[in-house]
Protein backbone atom coordinates (compact mmCIF):
# COMPACT_ATOMS: atom_id res chain seq x y z
CA UNK A 1 176.01 284.76 174.51
CA UNK A 2 172.80 282.75 174.58
CA UNK A 3 169.54 284.26 175.80
CA UNK A 4 166.30 282.36 175.98
CA UNK A 5 163.20 281.99 178.14
CA UNK A 6 161.68 278.96 179.77
CA UNK A 7 158.53 279.15 177.66
CA UNK A 8 160.69 278.51 174.56
CA UNK A 9 162.19 275.29 175.98
CA UNK A 10 160.50 272.11 174.77
CA UNK A 11 158.66 270.10 177.45
CA UNK A 12 159.36 266.38 177.52
CA UNK A 13 158.40 263.51 179.79
CA UNK A 14 161.72 262.03 180.93
CA UNK A 15 162.10 258.27 180.90
CA UNK A 16 163.50 257.57 184.38
CA UNK A 17 162.73 254.40 186.31
CA UNK A 18 161.02 255.32 189.57
CA UNK A 19 159.81 258.76 188.40
CA UNK A 20 156.19 259.88 188.18
CA UNK A 21 154.44 263.10 187.15
CA UNK A 22 157.48 264.95 185.78
CA UNK A 23 158.08 267.30 182.86
CA UNK A 24 161.59 268.32 181.83
CA UNK A 25 162.85 271.39 179.96
CA UNK A 26 166.44 272.23 179.02
CA UNK A 27 166.79 275.98 178.34
CA UNK A 28 170.63 275.92 178.40
CA UNK A 29 172.80 272.97 177.40
CA UNK A 30 175.99 271.99 175.60
CA UNK A 31 174.12 272.60 172.33
CA UNK A 32 174.10 276.30 173.30
CA UNK A 33 177.85 276.32 173.94
CA UNK A 34 177.82 276.26 177.75
CA UNK A 35 181.36 275.61 179.00
CA UNK A 36 180.43 273.78 182.21
CA UNK A 37 176.78 273.30 183.22
CA UNK A 38 173.43 272.50 181.66
CA UNK A 39 170.36 274.08 183.22
CA UNK A 40 167.36 271.81 183.33
CA UNK A 41 163.96 272.71 184.71
CA UNK A 42 161.77 270.03 186.19
CA UNK A 43 158.05 270.49 186.85
CA UNK A 44 156.75 267.90 189.29
CA UNK A 45 152.98 267.61 189.40
CA UNK A 46 151.12 267.14 192.71
CA UNK A 47 151.94 263.67 194.04
CA UNK A 48 154.82 263.30 191.56
CA UNK A 49 158.46 262.55 192.31
CA UNK A 50 161.89 261.98 190.83
CA UNK A 51 163.59 258.59 191.23
CA UNK A 52 165.39 257.82 194.51
CA UNK A 53 168.86 257.71 192.99
CA UNK A 54 172.50 258.84 193.03
CA UNK A 55 175.21 259.72 190.53
CA UNK A 56 178.86 260.69 190.33
CA UNK A 57 178.38 264.47 190.01
CA UNK A 58 176.79 267.26 192.00
CA UNK A 59 173.36 268.76 191.42
CA UNK A 60 172.76 272.44 192.06
CA UNK A 61 169.04 273.12 192.49
CA UNK A 62 166.89 276.21 192.96
CA UNK A 63 163.16 275.99 193.71
CA UNK A 64 161.29 278.52 191.55
CA UNK A 65 157.74 277.50 192.38
CA UNK A 66 155.86 275.45 194.95
CA UNK A 67 157.02 273.30 197.82
CA UNK A 68 157.79 269.70 198.58
CA UNK A 69 160.47 267.56 200.15
CA UNK A 70 163.93 266.37 199.24
CA UNK A 71 164.60 262.83 200.42
CA UNK A 72 168.07 261.65 201.34
CA UNK A 73 169.05 258.14 202.35
CA UNK A 74 167.46 258.43 205.79
CA UNK A 75 165.33 261.59 206.06
CA UNK A 76 162.97 264.02 204.32
CA UNK A 77 163.56 267.78 204.42
CA UNK A 78 160.87 270.32 203.52
CA UNK A 79 161.79 272.73 200.73
CA UNK A 80 159.95 275.69 199.21
CA UNK A 81 160.12 278.45 196.61
CA UNK A 82 163.38 280.37 196.98
CA UNK A 83 165.39 277.49 198.51
CA UNK A 84 168.69 276.25 197.09
CA UNK A 85 169.80 272.60 197.40
CA UNK A 86 173.27 271.23 196.68
CA UNK A 87 173.37 267.45 196.32
CA UNK A 88 176.98 266.22 196.48
CA UNK A 89 178.30 263.44 194.23
CA UNK A 90 177.24 259.97 195.35
CA UNK A 91 174.44 261.12 197.69
CA UNK A 92 171.10 259.33 197.33
CA UNK A 93 168.30 261.85 196.74
CA UNK A 94 164.74 262.26 195.53
CA UNK A 95 162.39 265.23 195.11
CA UNK A 96 158.68 264.89 195.91
CA UNK A 97 155.84 267.32 195.37
CA UNK A 98 153.75 267.21 198.53
CA UNK A 99 151.50 270.14 197.60
CA UNK A 100 148.39 270.62 195.47
CA UNK A 101 150.18 272.82 192.90
CA UNK A 102 153.18 272.26 190.58
CA UNK A 103 156.66 272.13 192.09
CA UNK A 104 159.23 273.65 189.71
CA UNK A 105 163.01 273.62 190.13
CA UNK A 106 166.14 274.48 188.20
CA UNK A 107 168.65 271.64 188.18
CA UNK A 108 172.19 272.49 187.08
CA UNK A 109 174.38 269.53 186.16
CA UNK A 110 177.69 269.14 184.33
CA UNK A 111 177.05 269.55 180.60
CA UNK A 112 178.52 266.10 179.93
CA UNK A 113 175.66 264.52 181.89
CA UNK A 114 173.02 266.05 179.65
């Protein structure tokens, strides 16, 4: 068993082309012995965003603070604290903070990706 808290997870600025205003934390990963998924937490500052990108695996997201939009190939959908988002493999997506406060989400991905 591995128990931790988000405040113990190191904050880093991820190097991702097309991203702006993002901090990343990884409270649970393969280094902790997870059999399937890593849990990452992204904090997106006001006006910030992830890259508009896709990959070969699903993302499972939960919004823990704030609100913003998730962008697909052809539309934007408003999301807020308490919402879940499942991005299937191969789907183009991007998260944007459209508010004046931080937007924070859990992002579960296969441990091999991390």
